[in-house]
């Protein structure tokens, strides 16, 4: 991953180039199709996503939807 992209993310703003390089080593780009799920509620939170282009909608079912009561 490009260090300049990481530098733009507030979460990484205090890291020096060496630290950013170590973060970049474990990063990988992933593209998603329109309406494709990125993750679902209840899945393990073992990843961090940076949105580089496009937009994401976060939603969850409400009580009474999807046949639940």
PDB file of N, CA and C in Angstrom:
ATOM      1  N   UNK A   1       0.844  -1.177   0.000  1.00  0.00           N
ATOM      2  CA  UNK A   1       0.000   0.000   0.000  1.00  0.00           C
ATOM      3  C   UNK A   1       0.886   1.237   0.000  1.00  0.00           C
ATOM      4  N   UNK A   2       0.444   2.256  -0.654  1.00  0.00           N
ATOM      5  CA  UNK A   2       1.159   3.527  -0.772  1.00  0.00           C
ATOM      6  C   UNK A   2       1.182   4.248   0.583  1.00  0.00           C
ATOM      7  N   UNK A   3       2.370   4.623   1.028  1.00  0.00           N
ATOM      8  CA  UNK A   3       2.502   5.312   2.312  1.00  0.00           C
ATOM      9  C   UNK A   3       1.745   6.634   2.331  1.00  0.00           C
ATOM     10  N   UNK A   4       1.664   7.299   1.198  1.00  0.00           N
ATOM     11  CA  UNK A   4       0.943   8.575   1.146  1.00  0.00           C
ATOM     12  C   UNK A   4      -0.539   8.387   1.447  1.00  0.00           C
ATOM     13  N   UNK A   5      -1.101   7.260   1.027  1.00  0.00           N
ATOM     14  CA  UNK A   5      -2.502   6.982   1.347  1.00  0.00           C
ATOM     15  C   UNK A   5      -2.675   6.771   2.843  1.00  0.00           C
ATOM     16  N   UNK A   6      -1.758   6.044   3.450  1.00  0.00           N
ATOM     17  CA  UNK A   6      -1.838   5.824   4.892  1.00  0.00           C
ATOM     18  C   UNK A   6      -1.677   7.132   5.665  1.00  0.00           C
ATOM     19  N   UNK A   7      -0.797   7.998   5.205  1.00  0.00           N
ATOM     20  CA  UNK A   7      -0.568   9.277   5.881  1.00  0.00           C
ATOM     21  C   UNK A   7      -1.834  10.137   5.920  1.00  0.00           C
ATOM     22  N   UNK A   8      -2.723   9.947   4.958  1.00  0.00           N
ATOM     23  CA  UNK A   8      -3.949  10.745   4.898  1.00  0.00           C
ATOM     24  C   UNK A   8      -4.982  10.302   5.931  1.00  0.00           C
ATOM     25  N   UNK A   9      -4.833   9.116   6.476  1.00  0.00           N
ATOM     26  CA  UNK A   9      -5.784   8.598   7.458  1.00  0.00           C
ATOM     27  C   UNK A   9      -5.412   9.123   8.837  1.00  0.00           C
ATOM     28  N   UNK A  10      -6.348   9.750   9.518  1.00  0.00           N
ATOM     29  CA  UNK A  10      -6.089  10.358  10.828  1.00  0.00           C
ATOM     30  C   UNK A  10      -5.520   9.351  11.822  1.00  0.00           C
ATOM     31  N   UNK A  11      -5.927   8.114  11.745  1.00  0.00           N
ATOM     32  CA  UNK A  11      -5.465   7.098  12.693  1.00  0.00           C
ATOM     33  C   UNK A  11      -3.957   6.869  12.608  1.00  0.00           C
ATOM     34  N   UNK A  12      -3.357   7.169  11.464  1.00  0.00           N
ATOM     35  CA  UNK A  12      -1.927   6.937  11.262  1.00  0.00           C
ATOM     36  C   UNK A  12      -1.103   8.219  11.255  1.00  0.00           C
ATOM     37  N   UNK A  13      -1.701   9.352  11.524  1.00  0.00           N
ATOM     38  CA  UNK A  13      -1.015  10.645  11.347  1.00  0.00           C
ATOM     39  C   UNK A  13       0.213  10.834  12.226  1.00  0.00           C
ATOM     40  N   UNK A  14       0.281  10.157  13.365  1.00  0.00           N
ATOM     41  CA  UNK A  14       1.423  10.336  14.262  1.00  0.00           C
ATOM     42  C   UNK A  14       2.554   9.333  14.025  1.00  0.00           C
ATOM     43  N   UNK A  15       2.416   8.470  13.024  1.00  0.00           N
ATOM     44  CA  UNK A  15       3.444   7.466  12.741  1.00  0.00           C
ATOM     45  C   UNK A  15       4.516   8.041  11.827  1.00  0.00           C
ATOM     46  N   UNK A  16       5.767   7.628  12.043  1.00  0.00           N
ATOM     47  CA  UNK A  16       6.837   8.050  11.136  1.00  0.00           C
ATOM     48  C   UNK A  16       6.857   7.095   9.932  1.00  0.00           C
ATOM     49  N   UNK A  17       7.722   7.388   8.971  1.00  0.00           N
ATOM     50  CA  UNK A  17       7.742   6.592   7.736  1.00  0.00           C
ATOM     51  C   UNK A  17       8.071   5.117   7.989  1.00  0.00           C
ATOM     52  N   UNK A  18       8.954   4.832   8.937  1.00  0.00           N
ATOM     53  CA  UNK A  18       9.283   3.444   9.251  1.00  0.00           C
ATOM     54  C   UNK A  18       8.080   2.693   9.814  1.00  0.00           C
ATOM     55  N   UNK A  19       7.359   3.343  10.697  1.00  0.00           N
ATOM     56  CA  UNK A  19       6.157   2.727  11.266  1.00  0.00           C
ATOM     57  C   UNK A  19       5.076   2.547  10.206  1.00  0.00           C
ATOM     58  N   UNK A  20       4.935   3.552   9.349  1.00  0.00           N
ATOM     59  CA  UNK A  20       3.958   3.440   8.262  1.00  0.00           C
ATOM     60  C   UNK A  20       4.325   2.306   7.307  1.00  0.00           C
ATOM     61  N   UNK A  21       5.603   2.127   7.060  1.00  0.00           N
ATOM     62  CA  UNK A  21       6.054   1.046   6.176  1.00  0.00           C
ATOM     63  C   UNK A  21       5.676  -0.313   6.755  1.00  0.00           C
ATOM     64  N   UNK A  22       5.784  -0.464   8.073  1.00  0.00           N
ATOM     65  CA  UNK A  22       5.402  -1.731   8.712  1.00  0.00           C
ATOM     66  C   UNK A  22       3.897  -1.960   8.604  1.00  0.00           C
ATOM     67  N   UNK A  23       3.108  -0.896   8.744  1.00  0.00           N
ATOM     68  CA  UNK A  23       1.659  -1.018   8.568  1.00  0.00           C
ATOM     69  C   UNK A  23       1.360  -1.404   7.120  1.00  0.00           C
ATOM     70  N   UNK A  24       2.026  -0.750   6.173  1.00  0.00           N
ATOM     71  CA  UNK A  24       1.787  -1.005   4.752  1.00  0.00           C
ATOM     72  C   UNK A  24       2.083  -2.455   4.377  1.00  0.00           C
ATOM     73  N   UNK A  25       3.029  -3.074   5.059  1.00  0.00           N
ATOM     74  CA  UNK A  25       3.385  -4.473   4.757  1.00  0.00           C
ATOM     75  C   UNK A  25       2.223  -5.434   4.972  1.00  0.00           C
ATOM     76  N   UNK A  26       1.341  -5.113   5.892  1.00  0.00           N
ATOM     77  CA  UNK A  26       0.231  -6.029   6.188  1.00  0.00           C
ATOM     78  C   UNK A  26      -1.085  -5.587   5.548  1.00  0.00           C
ATOM     79  N   UNK A  27      -1.047  -4.490   4.805  1.00  0.00           N
ATOM     80  CA  UNK A  27      -2.250  -3.991   4.136  1.00  0.00           C
ATOM     81  C   UNK A  27      -2.404  -4.625   2.767  1.00  0.00           C
ATOM     82  N   UNK A  28      -3.637  -4.754   2.369  1.00  0.00           N
ATOM     83  CA  UNK A  28      -3.896  -5.170   0.994  1.00  0.00           C
ATOM     84  C   UNK A  28      -5.156  -4.476   0.499  1.00  0.00           C
ATOM     85  N   UNK A  29      -5.142  -4.160  -0.768  1.00  0.00           N
ATOM     86  CA  UNK A  29      -6.294  -3.502  -1.377  1.00  0.00           C
ATOM     87  C   UNK A  29      -7.362  -4.542  -1.680  1.00  0.00           C
ATOM     88  N   UNK A  30      -8.581  -4.179  -1.413  1.00  0.00           N
ATOM     89  CA  UNK A  30      -9.702  -5.061  -1.699  1.00  0.00           C
ATOM     90  C   UNK A  30     -10.810  -4.220  -2.310  1.00  0.00           C
ATOM     91  N   UNK A  31     -11.353  -4.680  -3.415  1.00  0.00           N
ATOM     92  CA  UNK A  31     -12.427  -3.956  -4.090  1.00  0.00           C
ATOM     93  C   UNK A  31     -13.728  -4.706  -3.875  1.00  0.00           C
ATOM     94  N   UNK A  32     -14.806  -3.948  -3.764  1.00  0.00           N
ATOM     95  CA  UNK A  32     -16.123  -4.519  -3.544  1.00  0.00           C
ATOM     96  C   UNK A  32     -17.067  -4.043  -4.633  1.00  0.00           C
ATOM     97  N   UNK A  33     -17.966  -4.914  -5.026  1.00  0.00           N
ATOM     98  CA  UNK A  33     -18.982  -4.572  -6.012  1.00  0.00           C
ATOM     99  C   UNK A  33     -20.091  -3.776  -5.332  1.00  0.00           C
ATOM    100  N   UNK A  34     -20.869  -3.065  -6.114  1.00  0.00           N
ATOM    101  CA  UNK A  34     -22.017  -2.337  -5.590  1.00  0.00           C
ATOM    102  C   UNK A  34     -22.932  -3.331  -4.872  1.00  0.00           C
ATOM    103  N   UNK A  35     -23.397  -2.970  -3.700  1.00  0.00           N
ATOM    104  CA  UNK A  35     -24.318  -3.759  -2.867  1.00  0.00           C
ATOM    105  C   UNK A  35     -23.670  -4.997  -2.247  1.00  0.00           C
ATOM    106  N   UNK A  36     -22.364  -5.152  -2.372  1.00  0.00           N
ATOM    107  CA  UNK A  36     -21.674  -6.284  -1.759  1.00  0.00           C
ATOM    108  C   UNK A  36     -21.407  -5.966  -0.291  1.00  0.00           C
ATOM    109  N   UNK A  37     -21.613  -6.959   0.587  1.00  0.00           N
ATOM    110  CA  UNK A  37     -21.330  -6.770   2.002  1.00  0.00           C
ATOM    111  C   UNK A  37     -19.820  -6.711   2.235  1.00  0.00           C
ATOM    112  N   UNK A  38     -19.400  -5.791   3.084  1.00  0.00           N
ATOM    113  CA  UNK A  38     -18.006  -5.711   3.512  1.00  0.00           C
ATOM    114  C   UNK A  38     -17.840  -6.609   4.738  1.00  0.00           C
ATOM    115  N   UNK A  39     -18.762  -6.484   5.666  1.00  0.00           N
ATOM    116  CA  UNK A  39     -18.826  -7.383   6.825  1.00  0.00           C
ATOM    117  C   UNK A  39     -20.235  -7.317   7.384  1.00  0.00           C
ATOM    118  N   UNK A  40     -20.562  -8.267   8.221  1.00  0.00           N
ATOM    119  CA  UNK A  40     -21.891  -8.324   8.838  1.00  0.00           C
ATOM    120  C   UNK A  40     -21.756  -8.258  10.351  1.00  0.00           C
ATOM    121  N   UNK A  41     -22.774  -7.718  10.981  1.00  0.00           N
ATOM    122  CA  UNK A  41     -22.791  -7.610  12.434  1.00  0.00           C
ATOM    123  C   UNK A  41     -22.551  -8.975  13.064  1.00  0.00           C
ATOM    124  N   UNK A  42     -21.710  -9.003  14.078  1.00  0.00           N
ATOM    125  CA  UNK A  42     -21.422 -10.242  14.789  1.00  0.00           C
ATOM    126  C   UNK A  42     -20.175 -10.957  14.310  1.00  0.00           C
ATOM    127  N   UNK A  43     -19.659 -10.584  13.133  1.00  0.00           N
ATOM    128  CA  UNK A  43     -18.419 -11.197  12.661  1.00  0.00           C
ATOM    129  C   UNK A  43     -17.249 -10.688  13.496  1.00  0.00           C
ATOM    130  N   UNK A  44     -16.194 -11.482  13.616  1.00  0.00           N
ATOM    131  CA  UNK A  44     -15.028 -11.034  14.388  1.00  0.00           C
ATOM    132  C   UNK A  44     -14.479  -9.718  13.838  1.00  0.00           C
ATOM    133  N   UNK A  45     -14.129  -8.813  14.723  1.00  0.00           N
ATOM    134  CA  UNK A  45     -13.575  -7.521  14.321  1.00  0.00           C
ATOM    135  C   UNK A  45     -12.071  -7.594  14.214  1.00  0.00           C
ATOM    136  N   UNK A  46     -11.578  -8.295  13.208  1.00  0.00           N
ATOM    137  CA  UNK A  46     -10.136  -8.506  13.094  1.00  0.00           C
ATOM    138  C   UNK A  46      -9.518  -7.772  11.903  1.00  0.00           C
ATOM    139  N   UNK A  47     -10.234  -6.791  11.353  1.00  0.00           N
ATOM    140  CA  UNK A  47      -9.715  -6.041  10.210  1.00  0.00           C
ATOM    141  C   UNK A  47     -10.054  -4.562  10.358  1.00  0.00           C
ATOM    142  N   UNK A  48      -9.293  -3.735   9.684  1.00  0.00           N
ATOM    143  CA  UNK A  48      -9.537  -2.306   9.612  1.00  0.00           C
ATOM    144  C   UNK A  48      -9.686  -1.965   8.141  1.00  0.00           C
ATOM    145  N   UNK A  49     -10.728  -1.257   7.800  1.00  0.00           N
ATOM    146  CA  UNK A  49     -10.959  -0.864   6.411  1.00  0.00           C
ATOM    147  C   UNK A  49     -10.764   0.636   6.269  1.00  0.00           C
ATOM    148  N   UNK A  50     -10.013   1.033   5.263  1.00  0.00           N
ATOM    149  CA  UNK A  50      -9.887   2.433   4.877  1.00  0.00           C
ATOM    150  C   UNK A  50     -10.603   2.581   3.543  1.00  0.00           C
ATOM    151  N   UNK A  51     -11.557   3.472   3.475  1.00  0.00           N
ATOM    152  CA  UNK A  51     -12.306   3.684   2.232  1.00  0.00           C
ATOM    153  C   UNK A  51     -11.530   4.691   1.388  1.00  0.00           C
ATOM    154  N   UNK A  52     -10.972   4.219   0.284  1.00  0.00           N
ATOM    155  CA  UNK A  52     -10.157   5.075  -0.577  1.00  0.00           C
ATOM    156  C   UNK A  52     -10.981   5.744  -1.657  1.00  0.00           C
ATOM    157  N   UNK A  53     -12.036   5.085  -2.090  1.00  0.00           N
ATOM    158  CA  UNK A  53     -12.857   5.616  -3.177  1.00  0.00           C
ATOM    159  C   UNK A  53     -14.256   5.031  -3.035  1.00  0.00           C
ATOM    160  N   UNK A  54     -15.256   5.836  -3.265  1.00  0.00           N
ATOM    161  CA  UNK A  54     -16.628   5.357  -3.176  1.00  0.00           C
ATOM    162  C   UNK A  54     -17.229   5.646  -1.813  1.00  0.00           C
ATOM    163  N   UNK A  55     -18.242   4.898  -1.476  1.00  0.00           N
ATOM    164  CA  UNK A  55     -18.932   5.124  -0.214  1.00  0.00           C
ATOM    165  C   UNK A  55     -19.455   3.804   0.324  1.00  0.00           C
ATOM    166  N   UNK A  56     -19.722   3.799   1.620  1.00  0.00           N
ATOM    167  CA  UNK A  56     -20.207   2.607   2.307  1.00  0.00           C
ATOM    168  C   UNK A  56     -21.455   2.986   3.083  1.00  0.00           C
ATOM    169  N   UNK A  57     -22.444   2.132   3.048  1.00  0.00           N
ATOM    170  CA  UNK A  57     -23.647   2.330   3.862  1.00  0.00           C
ATOM    171  C   UNK A  57     -23.607   1.338   5.008  1.00  0.00           C
ATOM    172  N   UNK A  58     -23.799   1.821   6.203  1.00  0.00           N
ATOM    173  CA  UNK A  58     -23.836   0.956   7.378  1.00  0.00           C
ATOM    174  C   UNK A  58     -25.282   0.836   7.818  1.00  0.00           C
ATOM    175  N   UNK A  59     -25.757  -0.391   7.918  1.00  0.00           N
ATOM    176  CA  UNK A  59     -27.142  -0.605   8.319  1.00  0.00           C
ATOM    177  C   UNK A  59     -27.253  -1.908   9.088  1.00  0.00           C
ATOM    178  N   UNK A  60     -28.345  -2.041   9.784  1.00  0.00           N
ATOM    179  CA  UNK A  60     -28.627  -3.281  10.483  1.00  0.00           C
ATOM    180  C   UNK A  60     -30.128  -3.434  10.571  1.00  0.00           C
ATOM    181  N   UNK A  61     -30.596  -4.679  10.630  1.00  0.00           N
ATOM    182  CA  UNK A  61     -32.047  -4.887  10.709  1.00  0.00           C
ATOM    183  C   UNK A  61     -32.604  -4.327  12.023  1.00  0.00           C
ATOM    184  N   UNK A  62     -33.823  -3.877  11.966  1.00  0.00           N
ATOM    185  CA  UNK A  62     -34.486  -3.407  13.170  1.00  0.00           C
ATOM    186  C   UNK A  62     -35.442  -4.474  13.663  1.00  0.00           C
ATOM    187  N   UNK A  63     -35.799  -4.393  14.918  1.00  0.00           N
ATOM    188  CA  UNK A  63     -36.713  -5.359  15.506  1.00  0.00           C
ATOM    189  C   UNK A  63     -37.982  -5.445  14.659  1.00  0.00           C
ATOM    190  N   UNK A  64     -38.368  -6.660  14.355  1.00  0.00           N
ATOM    191  CA  UNK A  64     -39.581  -6.879  13.555  1.00  0.00           C
ATOM    192  C   UNK A  64     -39.308  -7.057  12.074  1.00  0.00           C
ATOM    193  N   UNK A  65     -38.100  -6.737  11.619  1.00  0.00           N
ATOM    194  CA  UNK A  65     -37.791  -6.958  10.208  1.00  0.00           C
ATOM    195  C   UNK A  65     -37.194  -8.337  10.021  1.00  0.00           C
ATOM    196  N   UNK A  66     -37.160  -8.806   8.830  1.00  0.00           N
ATOM    197  CA  UNK A  66     -36.581 -10.099   8.477  1.00  0.00           C
ATOM    198  C   UNK A  66     -37.227 -11.250   9.261  1.00  0.00           C
ATOM    199  N   UNK A  67     -38.495 -11.113   9.598  1.00  0.00           N
ATOM    200  CA  UNK A  67     -39.200 -12.200  10.267  1.00  0.00           C
ATOM    201  C   UNK A  67     -38.918 -12.322  11.752  1.00  0.00           C
ATOM    202  N   UNK A  68     -38.146 -11.400  12.301  1.00  0.00           N
ATOM    203  CA  UNK A  68     -37.870 -11.448  13.748  1.00  0.00           C
ATOM    204  C   UNK A  68     -38.937 -10.700  14.512  1.00  0.00           C
ATOM    205  N   UNK A  69     -39.098 -11.062  15.781  1.00  0.00           N
ATOM    206  CA  UNK A  69     -40.047 -10.316  16.600  1.00  0.00           C
ATOM    207  C   UNK A  69     -39.383  -9.735  17.810  1.00  0.00           C
TER     208      UNK A  69
END
